């Protein structure tokens, strides 16, 4: 299983970015996908999960601003990030689990993409 994340960049506070994560090596729609982020000096934190069947769960810090979506035909998951804040600055990682539903810990996920940098300037 391989994951390829892209779409990061530099944006001003209040702006938007859309991250993409393309998966290969498995039937994409059957497994949980997640986005995590890690800021310098901090632990990797859960951002959003997309479970088999369409359920999603967002961290409180991004609820109402971020939206996850999946295109199963393209084996791709997207993270639309609006109203970005400087505290959203981090390396963003996509991940997938060996199950259709996963938790909110990084330990619940088995495969990881390489990460893409998001920097929000004030």
Protein backbone atom coordinates (compact mmCIF):
# COMPACT_ATOMS: atom_id res chain seq x y z
CA UNK A 1 0.00 0.00 0.00
CA UNK A 2 1.35 3.40 -0.96
CA UNK A 3 0.00 6.84 -0.19
CA UNK A 4 1.05 10.00 -1.96
CA UNK A 5 0.01 13.31 -0.40
CA UNK A 6 0.27 16.67 -2.09
CA UNK A 7 -1.27 20.13 -2.14
CA UNK A 8 0.47 21.85 0.73
CA UNK A 9 1.91 25.32 0.49
CA UNK A 10 2.08 28.79 1.96
CA UNK A 11 -1.14 30.68 2.48
CA UNK A 12 -2.24 33.75 4.44
CA UNK A 13 -4.51 33.43 7.42
CA UNK A 14 -8.09 33.13 6.29
CA UNK A 15 -7.11 31.43 3.06
CA UNK A 16 -7.76 27.94 1.76
CA UNK A 17 -5.86 24.91 0.57
CA UNK A 18 -6.89 21.49 -0.66
CA UNK A 19 -4.74 18.50 0.09
CA UNK A 20 -4.94 15.28 -1.89
CA UNK A 21 -3.86 11.79 -1.00
CA UNK A 22 -3.73 9.14 -3.70
CA UNK A 23 -3.69 5.52 -2.58
CA UNK A 24 -2.54 2.45 -4.45
CA UNK A 25 -2.23 -1.22 -3.68
CA UNK A 26 -5.64 -1.95 -2.21
CA UNK A 27 -9.39 -1.51 -2.62
CA UNK A 28 -9.57 2.03 -1.40
CA UNK A 29 -13.22 2.24 -0.45
CA UNK A 30 -13.08 -0.60 2.08
CA UNK A 31 -10.67 1.00 4.53
CA UNK A 32 -10.53 3.89 6.93
CA UNK A 33 -8.54 6.92 5.89
CA UNK A 34 -7.25 9.65 8.14
CA UNK A 35 -5.45 12.96 8.08
CA UNK A 36 -3.02 13.86 10.82
CA UNK A 37 -0.69 16.79 11.31
CA UNK A 38 2.48 17.47 13.19
CA UNK A 39 3.82 20.87 14.08
CA UNK A 40 7.46 21.40 15.09
CA UNK A 41 8.09 20.20 18.62
CA UNK A 42 4.62 18.70 18.95
CA UNK A 43 3.16 15.24 18.72
CA UNK A 44 1.30 14.09 15.66
CA UNK A 45 -2.37 14.89 16.10
CA UNK A 46 -5.55 13.60 14.56
CA UNK A 47 -7.33 15.96 12.17
CA UNK A 48 -10.10 13.95 10.52
CA UNK A 49 -11.11 10.37 9.83
CA UNK A 50 -13.13 8.97 6.97
CA UNK A 51 -14.50 5.53 7.65
CA UNK A 52 -15.90 2.86 5.40
CA UNK A 53 -19.53 3.67 4.73
CA UNK A 54 -19.04 7.40 4.69
CA UNK A 55 -18.84 8.38 8.35
CA UNK A 56 -16.44 11.13 9.24
CA UNK A 57 -15.08 12.55 12.46
CA UNK A 58 -13.27 15.85 12.89
CA UNK A 59 -11.04 17.15 15.61
CA UNK A 60 -12.67 20.04 17.43
CA UNK A 61 -9.91 22.39 16.31
CA UNK A 62 -10.85 22.01 12.64
CA UNK A 63 -14.58 21.34 12.82
CA UNK A 64 -16.51 23.68 10.57
CA UNK A 65 -13.39 24.71 8.65
CA UNK A 66 -12.04 21.48 7.19
CA UNK A 67 -13.90 18.98 5.04
CA UNK A 68 -12.78 15.51 4.05
CA UNK A 69 -14.04 13.79 0.93
CA UNK A 70 -13.23 10.65 -0.97
CA UNK A 71 -13.26 9.76 -4.65
CA UNK A 72 -13.25 5.99 -4.58
CA UNK A 73 -13.00 5.74 -8.35
CA UNK A 74 -9.72 7.65 -8.20
CA UNK A 75 -8.56 6.08 -4.94
CA UNK A 76 -8.07 9.56 -3.59
CA UNK A 77 -9.04 11.35 -0.41
CA UNK A 78 -9.14 15.13 -0.18
CA UNK A 79 -8.89 17.57 2.68
CA UNK A 80 -10.40 20.96 1.95
CA UNK A 81 -9.09 23.47 4.46
CA UNK A 82 -10.81 26.84 4.73
CA UNK A 83 -10.39 29.76 7.11
CA UNK A 84 -6.87 28.68 7.83
CA UNK A 85 -5.15 29.92 10.95
CA UNK A 86 -1.45 30.19 11.82
CA UNK A 87 -1.94 27.39 14.33
CA UNK A 88 -2.85 25.08 11.43
CA UNK A 89 0.78 25.26 10.31
CA UNK A 90 2.15 21.71 10.29
CA UNK A 91 3.19 18.82 8.13
CA UNK A 92 0.01 17.03 7.12
CA UNK A 93 -0.01 13.26 6.70
CA UNK A 94 -2.60 10.97 5.22
CA UNK A 95 -2.91 7.45 6.54
CA UNK A 96 -4.98 4.34 6.07
CA UNK A 97 -5.86 1.46 8.35
CA UNK A 98 -6.24 -2.27 7.79
CA UNK A 99 -9.86 -1.97 8.87
CA UNK A 100 -12.91 -0.06 7.71
CA UNK A 101 -13.15 1.89 10.93
CA UNK A 102 -10.24 3.28 12.90
CA UNK A 103 -9.75 5.40 15.95
CA UNK A 104 -8.20 8.77 16.51
CA UNK A 105 -4.72 7.67 17.42
CA UNK A 106 -1.86 7.40 14.98
CA UNK A 107 -1.40 3.85 16.25
CA UNK A 108 -4.73 2.90 14.67
CA UNK A 109 -3.31 3.47 11.19
CA UNK A 110 -0.98 1.13 9.37
CA UNK A 111 0.19 2.95 6.26
CA UNK A 112 1.34 6.54 5.94
CA UNK A 113 2.06 9.01 3.20
CA UNK A 114 5.18 11.15 3.17
CA UNK A 115 3.57 14.35 4.44
CA UNK A 116 3.01 17.74 2.88
CA UNK A 117 3.89 21.06 4.50
CA UNK A 118 1.16 23.61 5.20
CA UNK A 119 2.27 27.03 6.37
CA UNK A 120 -0.22 29.71 7.33
CA UNK A 121 1.15 33.21 7.75
CA UNK A 122 -0.49 35.79 9.99
